[in-house]
Amino acid sequence: METVTAYDIATDLFYMVKDGIGGTVADDLSALPVTGYWIGGEGSALVYDSVDAVDRGEVGWWVGNNAHASYYGVWVDQEDGKVYFDAVTHMYNLGPAMDLGAVRGEKAIWEIHNNKEIRLP
């Protein structure tokens, strides 16, 4: 099996956001869960003011500094246009996912099956 590098993960995330989509990748680039919720805040987020400002090398550095994570995600906040790269946690149940997001100070979590953002109060 070929080793997956931080730069490989960063490249996937970079092209997702440049193509106008958010998304998540596994630390080994394997298949992702198809149900449940993604919750950011597992580590320090990397935030850009816009998609145009995203630097792939810096994203690779950020992934390397968050190597403890099993999943990495990117999303654009439609309210302010900022781009967020997060080390994310997968959970199957909504209540605990929302609680974890709130504890971490997240703006939202992601519902995988319905492909939608759930804003947190």
PDB file of N, CA and C in Angstrom:
ATOM      1  N   MET A   1       0.836  -1.178   0.000  1.00  0.00           N
ATOM      2  CA  MET A   1       0.000   0.000   0.000  1.00  0.00           C
ATOM      3  C   MET A   1       0.882   1.243   0.000  1.00  0.00           C
ATOM      4  N   GLU A   2       0.543   2.196  -0.835  1.00  0.00           N
ATOM      5  CA  GLU A   2       1.293   3.431  -0.943  1.00  0.00           C
ATOM      6  C   GLU A   2       0.960   4.365   0.224  1.00  0.00           C
ATOM      7  N   THR A   3       1.962   5.029   0.742  1.00  0.00           N
ATOM      8  CA  THR A   3       1.767   5.953   1.852  1.00  0.00           C
ATOM      9  C   THR A   3       1.086   7.223   1.366  1.00  0.00           C
ATOM     10  N   VAL A   4       0.088   7.652   2.102  1.00  0.00           N
ATOM     11  CA  VAL A   4      -0.620   8.896   1.810  1.00  0.00           C
ATOM     12  C   VAL A   4       0.063  10.005   2.603  1.00  0.00           C
ATOM     13  N   THR A   5       0.400  11.091   1.910  1.00  0.00           N
ATOM     14  CA  THR A   5       1.075  12.207   2.562  1.00  0.00           C
ATOM     15  C   THR A   5       0.086  13.330   2.886  1.00  0.00           C
ATOM     16  N   ALA A   6       0.519  14.231   3.747  1.00  0.00           N
ATOM     17  CA  ALA A   6      -0.288  15.415   4.062  1.00  0.00           C
ATOM     18  C   ALA A   6      -0.564  16.202   2.784  1.00  0.00           C
ATOM     19  N   TYR A   7       0.405  16.237   1.881  1.00  0.00           N
ATOM     20  CA  TYR A   7       0.223  16.970   0.632  1.00  0.00           C
ATOM     21  C   TYR A   7      -0.839  16.302  -0.251  1.00  0.00           C
ATOM     22  N   ASP A   8      -0.917  14.955  -0.242  1.00  0.00           N
ATOM     23  CA  ASP A   8      -1.963  14.248  -0.994  1.00  0.00           C
ATOM     24  C   ASP A   8      -3.353  14.652  -0.487  1.00  0.00           C
ATOM     25  N   ILE A   9      -3.516  14.667   0.821  1.00  0.00           N
ATOM     26  CA  ILE A   9      -4.793  15.046   1.423  1.00  0.00           C
ATOM     27  C   ILE A   9      -5.104  16.503   1.099  1.00  0.00           C
ATOM     28  N   ALA A  10      -4.086  17.366   1.247  1.00  0.00           N
ATOM     29  CA  ALA A  10      -4.267  18.789   0.960  1.00  0.00           C
ATOM     30  C   ALA A  10      -4.664  19.010  -0.493  1.00  0.00           C
ATOM     31  N   THR A  11      -4.100  18.241  -1.402  1.00  0.00           N
ATOM     32  CA  THR A  11      -4.432  18.382  -2.819  1.00  0.00           C
ATOM     33  C   THR A  11      -5.899  18.061  -3.063  1.00  0.00           C
ATOM     34  N   ASP A  12      -6.388  16.978  -2.467  1.00  0.00           N
ATOM     35  CA  ASP A  12      -7.813  16.640  -2.609  1.00  0.00           C
ATOM     36  C   ASP A  12      -8.701  17.755  -2.069  1.00  0.00           C
ATOM     37  N   LEU A  13      -8.383  18.242  -0.870  1.00  0.00           N
ATOM     38  CA  LEU A  13      -9.180  19.316  -0.263  1.00  0.00           C
ATOM     39  C   LEU A  13      -9.104  20.595  -1.095  1.00  0.00           C
ATOM     40  N   PHE A  14      -7.918  20.916  -1.590  1.00  0.00           N
ATOM     41  CA  PHE A  14      -7.703  22.116  -2.397  1.00  0.00           C
ATOM     42  C   PHE A  14      -8.585  22.089  -3.645  1.00  0.00           C
ATOM     43  N   TYR A  15      -8.571  20.974  -4.363  1.00  0.00           N
ATOM     44  CA  TYR A  15      -9.367  20.904  -5.590  1.00  0.00           C
ATOM     45  C   TYR A  15     -10.870  20.854  -5.303  1.00  0.00           C
ATOM     46  N   MET A  16     -11.262  20.294  -4.172  1.00  0.00           N
ATOM     47  CA  MET A  16     -12.680  20.333  -3.805  1.00  0.00           C
ATOM     48  C   MET A  16     -13.150  21.783  -3.710  1.00  0.00           C
ATOM     49  N   VAL A  17     -12.440  22.568  -2.930  1.00  0.00           N
ATOM     50  CA  VAL A  17     -12.880  23.945  -2.704  1.00  0.00           C
ATOM     51  C   VAL A  17     -12.725  24.786  -3.969  1.00  0.00           C
ATOM     52  N   LYS A  18     -11.692  24.547  -4.748  1.00  0.00           N
ATOM     53  CA  LYS A  18     -11.516  25.301  -5.996  1.00  0.00           C
ATOM     54  C   LYS A  18     -12.598  24.950  -7.012  1.00  0.00           C
ATOM     55  N   ASP A  19     -13.133  23.708  -6.930  1.00  0.00           N
ATOM     56  CA  ASP A  19     -14.222  23.289  -7.821  1.00  0.00           C
ATOM     57  C   ASP A  19     -15.594  23.700  -7.294  1.00  0.00           C
ATOM     58  N   GLY A  20     -15.608  24.426  -6.176  1.00  0.00           N
ATOM     59  CA  GLY A  20     -16.865  24.946  -5.649  1.00  0.00           C
ATOM     60  C   GLY A  20     -17.652  23.986  -4.792  1.00  0.00           C
ATOM     61  N   ILE A  21     -16.988  22.955  -4.290  1.00  0.00           N
ATOM     62  CA  ILE A  21     -17.672  22.004  -3.420  1.00  0.00           C
ATOM     63  C   ILE A  21     -16.908  21.877  -2.114  1.00  0.00           C
ATOM     64  N   GLY A  22     -17.625  21.622  -1.056  1.00  0.00           N
ATOM     65  CA  GLY A  22     -16.986  21.268   0.193  1.00  0.00           C
ATOM     66  C   GLY A  22     -16.869  19.760   0.230  1.00  0.00           C
ATOM     67  N   GLY A  23     -16.194  19.257   1.229  1.00  0.00           N
ATOM     68  CA  GLY A  23     -16.109  17.810   1.317  1.00  0.00           C
ATOM     69  C   GLY A  23     -15.186  17.359   2.414  1.00  0.00           C
ATOM     70  N   THR A  24     -15.067  16.062   2.509  1.00  0.00           N
ATOM     71  CA  THR A  24     -14.269  15.421   3.544  1.00  0.00           C
ATOM     72  C   THR A  24     -13.428  14.328   2.905  1.00  0.00           C
ATOM     73  N   VAL A  25     -12.231  14.130   3.429  1.00  0.00           N
ATOM     74  CA  VAL A  25     -11.375  13.027   2.997  1.00  0.00           C
ATOM     75  C   VAL A  25     -10.865  12.301   4.232  1.00  0.00           C
ATOM     76  N   ALA A  26     -10.642  11.003   4.077  1.00  0.00           N
ATOM     77  CA  ALA A  26     -10.065  10.193   5.146  1.00  0.00           C
ATOM     78  C   ALA A  26      -8.553  10.335   5.121  1.00  0.00           C
ATOM     79  N   ASP A  27      -7.927  10.112   6.255  1.00  0.00           N
ATOM     80  CA  ASP A  27      -6.476  10.253   6.348  1.00  0.00           C
ATOM     81  C   ASP A  27      -5.735   9.281   5.436  1.00  0.00           C
ATOM     82  N   ASP A  28      -6.395   8.206   5.029  1.00  0.00           N
ATOM     83  CA  ASP A  28      -5.782   7.245   4.111  1.00  0.00           C
ATOM     84  C   ASP A  28      -6.459   7.264   2.730  1.00  0.00           C
ATOM     85  N   LEU A  29      -7.300   8.282   2.499  1.00  0.00           N
ATOM     86  CA  LEU A  29      -8.046   8.478   1.245  1.00  0.00           C
ATOM     87  C   LEU A  29      -9.001   7.325   0.939  1.00  0.00           C
ATOM     88  N   SER A  30      -9.406   6.596   1.985  1.00  0.00           N
ATOM     89  CA  SER A  30     -10.342   5.482   1.810  1.00  0.00           C
ATOM     90  C   SER A  30     -11.775   5.999   1.698  1.00  0.00           C
ATOM     91  N   ALA A  31     -12.701   5.066   1.480  1.00  0.00           N
ATOM     92  CA  ALA A  31     -14.119   5.419   1.381  1.00  0.00           C
ATOM     93  C   ALA A  31     -14.601   6.027   2.695  1.00  0.00           C
ATOM     94  N   LEU A  32     -15.557   6.942   2.569  1.00  0.00           N
ATOM     95  CA  LEU A  32     -16.099   7.652   3.729  1.00  0.00           C
ATOM     96  C   LEU A  32     -17.420   7.050   4.177  1.00  0.00           C
ATOM     97  N   PRO A  33     -17.808   7.280   5.432  1.00  0.00           N
ATOM     98  CA  PRO A  33     -19.136   6.866   5.885  1.00  0.00           C
ATOM     99  C   PRO A  33     -20.220   7.539   5.037  1.00  0.00           C
ATOM    100  N   VAL A  34     -21.341   6.851   4.846  1.00  0.00           N
ATOM    101  CA  VAL A  34     -22.430   7.400   4.028  1.00  0.00           C
ATOM    102  C   VAL A  34     -23.611   7.864   4.872  1.00  0.00           C
ATOM    103  N   THR A  35     -23.523   7.694   6.179  1.00  0.00           N
ATOM    104  CA  THR A  35     -24.551   8.190   7.097  1.00  0.00           C
ATOM    105  C   THR A  35     -23.864   8.835   8.288  1.00  0.00           C
ATOM    106  N   GLY A  36     -24.635   9.589   9.042  1.00  0.00           N
ATOM    107  CA  GLY A  36     -24.099  10.226  10.233  1.00  0.00           C
ATOM    108  C   GLY A  36     -23.808  11.692   9.999  1.00  0.00           C
ATOM    109  N   TYR A  37     -22.861  12.196  10.779  1.00  0.00           N
ATOM    110  CA  TYR A  37     -22.596  13.632  10.811  1.00  0.00           C
ATOM    111  C   TYR A  37     -21.097  13.890  10.914  1.00  0.00           C
ATOM    112  N   TRP A  38     -20.650  14.978  10.268  1.00  0.00           N
ATOM    113  CA  TRP A  38     -19.281  15.445  10.406  1.00  0.00           C
ATOM    114  C   TRP A  38     -19.296  16.627  11.362  1.00  0.00           C
ATOM    115  N   ILE A  39     -18.373  16.612  12.320  1.00  0.00           N
ATOM    116  CA  ILE A  39     -18.253  17.687  13.293  1.00  0.00           C
ATOM    117  C   ILE A  39     -16.815  18.184  13.252  1.00  0.00           C
ATOM    118  N   GLY A  40     -16.650  19.466  12.972  1.00  0.00           N
ATOM    119  CA  GLY A  40     -15.317  20.061  12.934  1.00  0.00           C
ATOM    120  C   GLY A  40     -14.793  20.333  14.329  1.00  0.00           C
ATOM    121  N   GLY A  41     -13.619  20.930  14.367  1.00  0.00           N
ATOM    122  CA  GLY A  41     -13.055  21.363  15.635  1.00  0.00           C
ATOM    123  C   GLY A  41     -12.217  20.341  16.356  1.00  0.00           C
ATOM    124  N   GLU A  42     -11.843  19.245  15.663  1.00  0.00           N
ATOM    125  CA  GLU A  42     -10.991  18.240  16.309  1.00  0.00           C
ATOM    126  C   GLU A  42      -9.583  18.790  16.540  1.00  0.00           C
ATOM    127  N   GLY A  43      -9.236  19.808  15.793  1.00  0.00           N
ATOM    128  CA  GLY A  43      -7.950  20.499  15.939  1.00  0.00           C
ATOM    129  C   GLY A  43      -8.166  21.954  15.576  1.00  0.00           C
ATOM    130  N   SER A  44      -7.088  22.685  15.443  1.00  0.00           N
ATOM    131  CA  SER A  44      -7.192  24.088  15.042  1.00  0.00           C
ATOM    132  C   SER A  44      -7.583  24.183  13.578  1.00  0.00           C
ATOM    133  N   ALA A  45      -8.554  25.022  13.282  1.00  0.00           N
ATOM    134  CA  ALA A  45      -9.003  25.219  11.901  1.00  0.00           C
ATOM    135  C   ALA A  45      -8.021  26.122  11.164  1.00  0.00           C
ATOM    136  N   LEU A  46      -7.985  25.957   9.854  1.00  0.00           N
ATOM    137  CA  LEU A  46      -7.268  26.856   8.960  1.00  0.00           C
ATOM    138  C   LEU A  46      -8.341  27.618   8.202  1.00  0.00           C
ATOM    139  N   VAL A  47      -8.321  28.942   8.289  1.00  0.00           N
ATOM    140  CA  VAL A  47      -9.399  29.757   7.730  1.00  0.00           C
ATOM    141  C   VAL A  47      -8.828  30.755   6.727  1.00  0.00           C
ATOM    142  N   TYR A  48      -9.498  30.856   5.577  1.00  0.00           N
ATOM    143  CA  TYR A  48      -9.150  31.831   4.550  1.00  0.00           C
ATOM    144  C   TYR A  48     -10.338  32.759   4.327  1.00  0.00           C
ATOM    145  N   ASP A  49     -10.050  33.979   3.921  1.00  0.00           N
ATOM    146  CA  ASP A  49     -11.110  34.956   3.675  1.00  0.00           C
ATOM    147  C   ASP A  49     -11.919  34.655   2.420  1.00  0.00           C
ATOM    148  N   SER A  50     -11.343  33.890   1.490  1.00  0.00           N
ATOM    149  CA  SER A  50     -12.051  33.556   0.251  1.00  0.00           C
ATOM    150  C   SER A  50     -11.419  32.327  -0.381  1.00  0.00           C
ATOM    151  N   VAL A  51     -12.113  31.747  -1.343  1.00  0.00           N
ATOM    152  CA  VAL A  51     -11.585  30.593  -2.076  1.00  0.00           C
ATOM    153  C   VAL A  51     -10.306  30.972  -2.812  1.00  0.00           C
ATOM    154  N   ASP A  52     -10.262  32.167  -3.375  1.00  0.00           N
ATOM    155  CA  ASP A  52      -9.078  32.616  -4.122  1.00  0.00           C
ATOM    156  C   ASP A  52      -7.829  32.697  -3.266  1.00  0.00           C
ATOM    157  N   ALA A  53      -7.977  32.862  -1.963  1.00  0.00           N
ATOM    158  CA  ALA A  53      -6.833  33.013  -1.066  1.00  0.00           C
ATOM    159  C   ALA A  53      -6.233  31.681  -0.621  1.00  0.00           C
ATOM    160  N   VAL A  54      -6.895  30.561  -0.908  1.00  0.00           N
ATOM    161  CA  VAL A  54      -6.439  29.244  -0.427  1.00  0.00           C
ATOM    162  C   VAL A  54      -5.094  28.887  -1.058  1.00  0.00           C
ATOM    163  N   ASP A  55      -4.156  28.470  -0.215  1.00  0.00           N
ATOM    164  CA  ASP A  55      -2.806  28.084  -0.632  1.00  0.00           C
ATOM    165  C   ASP A  55      -2.609  26.588  -0.347  1.00  0.00           C
ATOM    166  N   ARG A  56      -2.419  25.802  -1.402  1.00  0.00           N
ATOM    167  CA  ARG A  56      -2.319  24.347  -1.245  1.00  0.00           C
ATOM    168  C   ARG A  56      -1.158  23.941  -0.346  1.00  0.00           C
ATOM    169  N   GLY A  57      -0.021  24.603  -0.462  1.00  0.00           N
ATOM    170  CA  GLY A  57       1.126  24.281   0.390  1.00  0.00           C
ATOM    171  C   GLY A  57       0.831  24.516   1.857  1.00  0.00           C
ATOM    172  N   GLU A  58       0.148  25.614   2.145  1.00  0.00           N
ATOM    173  CA  GLU A  58      -0.216  25.904   3.528  1.00  0.00           C
ATOM    174  C   GLU A  58      -1.223  24.884   4.054  1.00  0.00           C
ATOM    175  N   VAL A  59      -2.143  24.451   3.191  1.00  0.00           N
ATOM    176  CA  VAL A  59      -3.104  23.416   3.598  1.00  0.00           C
ATOM    177  C   VAL A  59      -2.355  22.117   3.919  1.00  0.00           C
ATOM    178  N   GLY A  60      -1.345  21.777   3.116  1.00  0.00           N
ATOM    179  CA  GLY A  60      -0.533  20.594   3.389  1.00  0.00           C
ATOM    180  C   GLY A  60       0.185  20.690   4.729  1.00  0.00           C
ATOM    181  N   TRP A  61       0.714  21.860   5.030  1.00  0.00           N
ATOM    182  CA  TRP A  61       1.366  22.096   6.320  1.00  0.00           C
ATOM    183  C   TRP A  61       0.358  21.909   7.451  1.00  0.00           C
ATOM    184  N   TRP A  62      -0.847  22.473   7.260  1.00  0.00           N
ATOM    185  CA  TRP A  62      -1.895  22.362   8.280  1.00  0.00           C
ATOM    186  C   TRP A  62      -2.280  20.894   8.509  1.00  0.00           C
ATOM    187  N   VAL A  63      -2.469  20.125   7.427  1.00  0.00           N
ATOM    188  CA  VAL A  63      -2.800  18.696   7.573  1.00  0.00           C
ATOM    189  C   VAL A  63      -1.700  17.992   8.366  1.00  0.00           C
ATOM    190  N   GLY A  64      -0.448  18.269   8.028  1.00  0.00           N
ATOM    191  CA  GLY A  64       0.672  17.649   8.739  1.00  0.00           C
ATOM    192  C   GLY A  64       0.676  17.959  10.224  1.00  0.00           C
ATOM    193  N   ASN A  65       0.229  19.154  10.585  1.00  0.00           N
ATOM    194  CA  ASN A  65       0.167  19.547  11.990  1.00  0.00           C
ATOM    195  C   ASN A  65      -1.084  19.038  12.694  1.00  0.00           C
ATOM    196  N   ASN A  66      -1.989  18.426  11.946  1.00  0.00           N
ATOM    197  CA  ASN A  66      -3.195  17.819  12.512  1.00  0.00           C
ATOM    198  C   ASN A  66      -3.227  16.334  12.174  1.00  0.00           C
ATOM    199  N   ALA A  67      -2.060  15.705  12.166  1.00  0.00           N
ATOM    200  CA  ALA A  67      -1.924  14.309  11.733  1.00  0.00           C
ATOM    201  C   ALA A  67      -2.655  13.326  12.629  1.00  0.00           C
ATOM    202  N   HIS A  68      -3.130  13.764  13.788  1.00  0.00           N
ATOM    203  CA  HIS A  68      -3.881  12.894  14.695  1.00  0.00           C
ATOM    204  C   HIS A  68      -5.280  12.591  14.160  1.00  0.00           C
ATOM    205  N   ALA A  69      -5.759  13.386  13.222  1.00  0.00           N
ATOM    206  CA  ALA A  69      -7.139  13.254  12.747  1.00  0.00           C
ATOM    207  C   ALA A  69      -7.290  12.084  11.781  1.00  0.00           C
ATOM    208  N   SER A  70      -8.481  11.513  11.775  1.00  0.00           N
ATOM    209  CA  SER A  70      -8.810  10.459  10.813  1.00  0.00           C
ATOM    210  C   SER A  70      -9.491  11.026   9.580  1.00  0.00           C
ATOM    211  N   TYR A  71     -10.096  12.215   9.724  1.00  0.00           N
ATOM    212  CA  TYR A  71     -10.813  12.854   8.622  1.00  0.00           C
ATOM    213  C   TYR A  71     -10.507  14.350   8.599  1.00  0.00           C
ATOM    214  N   TYR A  72     -10.495  14.900   7.377  1.00  0.00           N
ATOM    215  CA  TYR A  72     -10.266  16.328   7.163  1.00  0.00           C
ATOM    216  C   TYR A  72     -11.358  16.852   6.246  1.00  0.00           C
ATOM    217  N   GLY A  73     -11.868  18.045   6.562  1.00  0.00           N
ATOM    218  CA  GLY A  73     -12.936  18.592   5.746  1.00  0.00           C
ATOM    219  C   GLY A  73     -12.673  20.027   5.352  1.00  0.00           C
ATOM    220  N   VAL A  74     -13.377  20.453   4.308  1.00  0.00           N
ATOM    221  CA  VAL A  74     -13.332  21.845   3.872  1.00  0.00           C
ATOM    222  C   VAL A  74     -14.746  22.281   3.546  1.00  0.00           C
ATOM    223  N   TRP A  75     -15.097  23.513   3.920  1.00  0.00           N
ATOM    224  CA  TRP A  75     -16.402  24.065   3.581  1.00  0.00           C
ATOM    225  C   TRP A  75     -16.301  25.584   3.507  1.00  0.00           C
ATOM    226  N   VAL A  76     -17.202  26.151   2.729  1.00  0.00           N
ATOM    227  CA  VAL A  76     -17.289  27.599   2.597  1.00  0.00           C
ATOM    228  C   VAL A  76     -18.548  28.052   3.319  1.00  0.00           C
ATOM    229  N   ASP A  77     -18.369  28.953   4.267  1.00  0.00           N
ATOM    230  CA  ASP A  77     -19.509  29.496   5.005  1.00  0.00           C
ATOM    231  C   ASP A  77     -20.247  30.454   4.080  1.00  0.00           C
ATOM    232  N   GLN A  78     -21.473  30.125   3.745  1.00  0.00           N
ATOM    233  CA  GLN A  78     -22.257  30.939   2.813  1.00  0.00           C
ATOM    234  C   GLN A  78     -22.628  32.300   3.399  1.00  0.00           C
ATOM    235  N   GLU A  79     -22.544  32.448   4.712  1.00  0.00           N
ATOM    236  CA  GLU A  79     -22.879  33.730   5.335  1.00  0.00           C
ATOM    237  C   GLU A  79     -21.756  34.758   5.214  1.00  0.00           C
ATOM    238  N   ASP A  80     -20.494  34.303   5.297  1.00  0.00           N
ATOM    239  CA  ASP A  80     -19.396  35.277   5.232  1.00  0.00           C
ATOM    240  C   ASP A  80     -18.377  34.985   4.133  1.00  0.00           C
ATOM    241  N   GLY A  81     -18.540  33.865   3.405  1.00  0.00           N
ATOM    242  CA  GLY A  81     -17.642  33.533   2.299  1.00  0.00           C
ATOM    243  C   GLY A  81     -16.294  32.981   2.718  1.00  0.00           C
ATOM    244  N   LYS A  82     -16.064  32.819   4.014  1.00  0.00           N
ATOM    245  CA  LYS A  82     -14.782  32.289   4.475  1.00  0.00           C
ATOM    246  C   LYS A  82     -14.688  30.787   4.222  1.00  0.00           C
ATOM    247  N   VAL A  83     -13.472  30.335   4.001  1.00  0.00           N
ATOM    248  CA  VAL A  83     -13.194  28.924   3.737  1.00  0.00           C
ATOM    249  C   VAL A  83     -12.579  28.317   4.999  1.00  0.00           C
ATOM    250  N   TYR A  84     -13.160  27.208   5.463  1.00  0.00           N
ATOM    251  CA  TYR A  84     -12.706  26.548   6.684  1.00  0.00           C
ATOM    252  C   TYR A  84     -12.176  25.154   6.364  1.00  0.00           C
ATOM    253  N   PHE A  85     -10.939  24.892   6.776  1.00  0.00           N
ATOM    254  CA  PHE A  85     -10.365  23.556   6.744  1.00  0.00           C
ATOM    255  C   PHE A  85     -10.362  23.076   8.185  1.00  0.00           C
ATOM    256  N   ASP A  86     -10.960  21.915   8.424  1.00  0.00           N
ATOM    257  CA  ASP A  86     -11.118  21.387   9.778  1.00  0.00           C
ATOM    258  C   ASP A  86     -10.714  19.922   9.847  1.00  0.00           C
ATOM    259  N   ALA A  87     -10.092  19.548  10.957  1.00  0.00           N
ATOM    260  CA  ALA A  87      -9.984  18.138  11.303  1.00  0.00           C
ATOM    261  C   ALA A  87     -11.353  17.779  11.879  1.00  0.00           C
ATOM    262  N   VAL A  88     -11.975  16.739  11.346  1.00  0.00           N
ATOM    263  CA  VAL A  88     -13.360  16.455  11.699  1.00  0.00           C
ATOM    264  C   VAL A  88     -13.527  15.078  12.329  1.00  0.00           C
ATOM    265  N   THR A  89     -14.601  14.982  13.103  1.00  0.00           N
ATOM    266  CA  THR A  89     -14.997  13.748  13.776  1.00  0.00           C
ATOM    267  C   THR A  89     -16.273  13.244  13.126  1.00  0.00           C
ATOM    268  N   HIS A  90     -16.403  11.937  12.981  1.00  0.00           N
ATOM    269  CA  HIS A  90     -17.636  11.338  12.467  1.00  0.00           C
ATOM    270  C   HIS A  90     -18.429  10.780  13.637  1.00  0.00           C
ATOM    271  N   MET A  91     -19.734  11.071  13.640  1.00  0.00           N
ATOM    272  CA  MET A  91     -20.646  10.520  14.645  1.00  0.00           C
ATOM    273  C   MET A  91     -21.931  10.077  13.948  1.00  0.00           C
ATOM    274  N   TYR A  92     -22.609   9.072  14.510  1.00  0.00           N
ATOM    275  CA  TYR A  92     -23.823   8.544  13.893  1.00  0.00           C
ATOM    276  C   TYR A  92     -25.110   9.196  14.389  1.00  0.00           C
ATOM    277  N   ASN A  93     -25.123   9.783  15.584  1.00  0.00           N
ATOM    278  CA  ASN A  93     -26.366  10.290  16.171  1.00  0.00           C
ATOM    279  C   ASN A  93     -26.377  11.815  16.246  1.00  0.00           C
ATOM    280  N   LEU A  94     -27.510  12.405  15.869  1.00  0.00           N
ATOM    281  CA  LEU A  94     -27.648  13.852  15.780  1.00  0.00           C
ATOM    282  C   LEU A  94     -27.437  14.556  17.112  1.00  0.00           C
ATOM    283  N   GLY A  95     -28.095  14.117  18.159  1.00  0.00           N
ATOM    284  CA  GLY A  95     -27.988  14.811  19.446  1.00  0.00           C
ATOM    285  C   GLY A  95     -26.554  14.944  19.933  1.00  0.00           C
ATOM    286  N   PRO A  96     -25.836  13.829  20.045  1.00  0.00           N
ATOM    287  CA  PRO A  96     -24.441  13.933  20.477  1.00  0.00           C
ATOM    288  C   PRO A  96     -23.570  14.716  19.498  1.00  0.00           C
ATOM    289  N   ALA A  97     -23.882  14.637  18.206  1.00  0.00           N
ATOM    290  CA  ALA A  97     -23.114  15.402  17.206  1.00  0.00           C
ATOM    291  C   ALA A  97     -23.306  16.897  17.421  1.00  0.00           C
ATOM    292  N   MET A  98     -24.539  17.315  17.668  1.00  0.00           N
ATOM    293  CA  MET A  98     -24.812  18.732  17.922  1.00  0.00           C
ATOM    294  C   MET A  98     -24.154  19.178  19.231  1.00  0.00           C
ATOM    295  N   ASP A  99     -24.209  18.327  20.241  1.00  0.00           N
ATOM    296  CA  ASP A  99     -23.578  18.661  21.526  1.00  0.00           C
ATOM    297  C   ASP A  99     -22.069  18.842  21.353  1.00  0.00           C
ATOM    298  N   LEU A 100     -21.427  17.932  20.626  1.00  0.00           N
ATOM    299  CA  LEU A 100     -19.985  18.030  20.404  1.00  0.00           C
ATOM    300  C   LEU A 100     -19.647  19.294  19.613  1.00  0.00           C
ATOM    301  N   GLY A 101     -20.443  19.587  18.590  1.00  0.00           N
ATOM    302  CA  GLY A 101     -20.222  20.803  17.816  1.00  0.00           C
ATOM    303  C   GLY A 101     -20.324  22.049  18.682  1.00  0.00           C
ATOM    304  N   ALA A 102     -21.312  22.074  19.566  1.00  0.00           N
ATOM    305  CA  ALA A 102     -21.490  23.221  20.459  1.00  0.00           C
ATOM    306  C   ALA A 102     -20.306  23.351  21.420  1.00  0.00           C
ATOM    307  N   VAL A 103     -19.865  22.229  21.985  1.00  0.00           N
ATOM    308  CA  VAL A 103     -18.727  22.254  22.904  1.00  0.00           C
ATOM    309  C   VAL A 103     -17.479  22.775  22.188  1.00  0.00           C
ATOM    310  N   ARG A 104     -17.323  22.408  20.940  1.00  0.00           N
ATOM    311  CA  ARG A 104     -16.151  22.839  20.168  1.00  0.00           C
ATOM    312  C   ARG A 104     -16.294  24.251  19.596  1.00  0.00           C
ATOM    313  N   GLY A 105     -17.462  24.851  19.765  1.00  0.00           N
ATOM    314  CA  GLY A 105     -17.659  26.205  19.255  1.00  0.00           C
ATOM    315  C   GLY A 105     -17.860  26.276  17.753  1.00  0.00           C
ATOM    316  N   GLU A 106     -18.357  25.188  17.170  1.00  0.00           N
ATOM    317  CA  GLU A 106     -18.568  25.150  15.724  1.00  0.00           C
ATOM    318  C   GLU A 106     -19.821  25.924  15.328  1.00  0.00           C
ATOM    319  N   LYS A 107     -19.814  26.465  14.115  1.00  0.00           N
ATOM    320  CA  LYS A 107     -20.979  27.171  13.575  1.00  0.00           C
ATOM    321  C   LYS A 107     -22.042  26.191  13.097  1.00  0.00           C
ATOM    322  N   ALA A 108     -21.592  25.029  12.618  1.00  0.00           N
ATOM    323  CA  ALA A 108     -22.513  24.058  12.018  1.00  0.00           C
ATOM    324  C   ALA A 108     -21.880  22.678  12.040  1.00  0.00           C
ATOM    325  N   ILE A 109     -22.716  21.664  11.805  1.00  0.00           N
ATOM    326  CA  ILE A 109     -22.255  20.300  11.545  1.00  0.00           C
ATOM    327  C   ILE A 109     -22.815  19.910  10.179  1.00  0.00           C
ATOM    328  N   TRP A 110     -22.364  18.785   9.645  1.00  0.00           N
ATOM    329  CA  TRP A 110     -22.800  18.351   8.321  1.00  0.00           C
ATOM    330  C   TRP A 110     -23.509  17.016   8.415  1.00  0.00           C
ATOM    331  N   GLU A 111     -24.728  16.961   7.861  1.00  0.00           N
ATOM    332  CA  GLU A 111     -25.483  15.712   7.792  1.00  0.00           C
ATOM    333  C   GLU A 111     -25.117  15.024   6.489  1.00  0.00           C
ATOM    334  N   ILE A 112     -24.511  13.856   6.584  1.00  0.00           N
ATOM    335  CA  ILE A 112     -23.954  13.178   5.414  1.00  0.00           C
ATOM    336  C   ILE A 112     -25.038  12.686   4.460  1.00  0.00           C
ATOM    337  N   HIS A 113     -25.995  11.920   4.952  1.00  0.00           N
ATOM    338  CA  HIS A 113     -26.994  11.282   4.084  1.00  0.00           C
ATOM    339  C   HIS A 113     -27.795  12.298   3.281  1.00  0.00           C
ATOM    340  N   ASN A 114     -28.210  13.378   3.906  1.00  0.00           N
ATOM    341  CA  ASN A 114     -29.009  14.394   3.221  1.00  0.00           C
ATOM    342  C   ASN A 114     -28.165  15.515   2.618  1.00  0.00           C
ATOM    343  N   ASN A 115     -26.838  15.405   2.789  1.00  0.00           N
ATOM    344  CA  ASN A 115     -25.909  16.357   2.181  1.00  0.00           C
ATOM    345  C   ASN A 115     -26.299  17.808   2.512  1.00  0.00           C
ATOM    346  N   LYS A 116     -26.445  18.085   3.838  1.00  0.00           N
ATOM    347  CA  LYS A 116     -26.860  19.426   4.214  1.00  0.00           C
ATOM    348  C   LYS A 116     -26.210  19.870   5.518  1.00  0.00           C
ATOM    349  N   GLU A 117     -26.035  21.157   5.602  1.00  0.00           N
ATOM    350  CA  GLU A 117     -25.503  21.795   6.792  1.00  0.00           C
ATOM    351  C   GLU A 117     -26.608  21.964   7.838  1.00  0.00           C
ATOM    352  N   ILE A 118     -26.241  21.737   9.090  1.00  0.00           N
ATOM    353  CA  ILE A 118     -27.148  22.001  10.212  1.00  0.00           C
ATOM    354  C   ILE A 118     -26.462  23.058  11.062  1.00  0.00           C
ATOM    355  N   ARG A 119     -26.998  24.278  11.033  1.00  0.00           N
ATOM    356  CA  ARG A 119     -26.435  25.371  11.822  1.00  0.00           C
ATOM    357  C   ARG A 119     -26.720  25.109  13.305  1.00  0.00           C
ATOM    358  N   LEU A 120     -25.747  25.443  14.115  1.00  0.00           N
ATOM    359  CA  LEU A 120     -25.904  25.271  15.560  1.00  0.00           C
ATOM    360  C   LEU A 120     -26.328  26.585  16.197  1.00  0.00           C
ATOM    361  N   PRO A 121     -27.129  26.493  17.260  1.00  0.00           N
ATOM    362  CA  PRO A 121     -27.601  27.727  17.918  1.00  0.00           C
ATOM    363  C   PRO A 121     -26.454  28.477  18.601  1.00  0.00           C
TER     364      PRO A 121
END
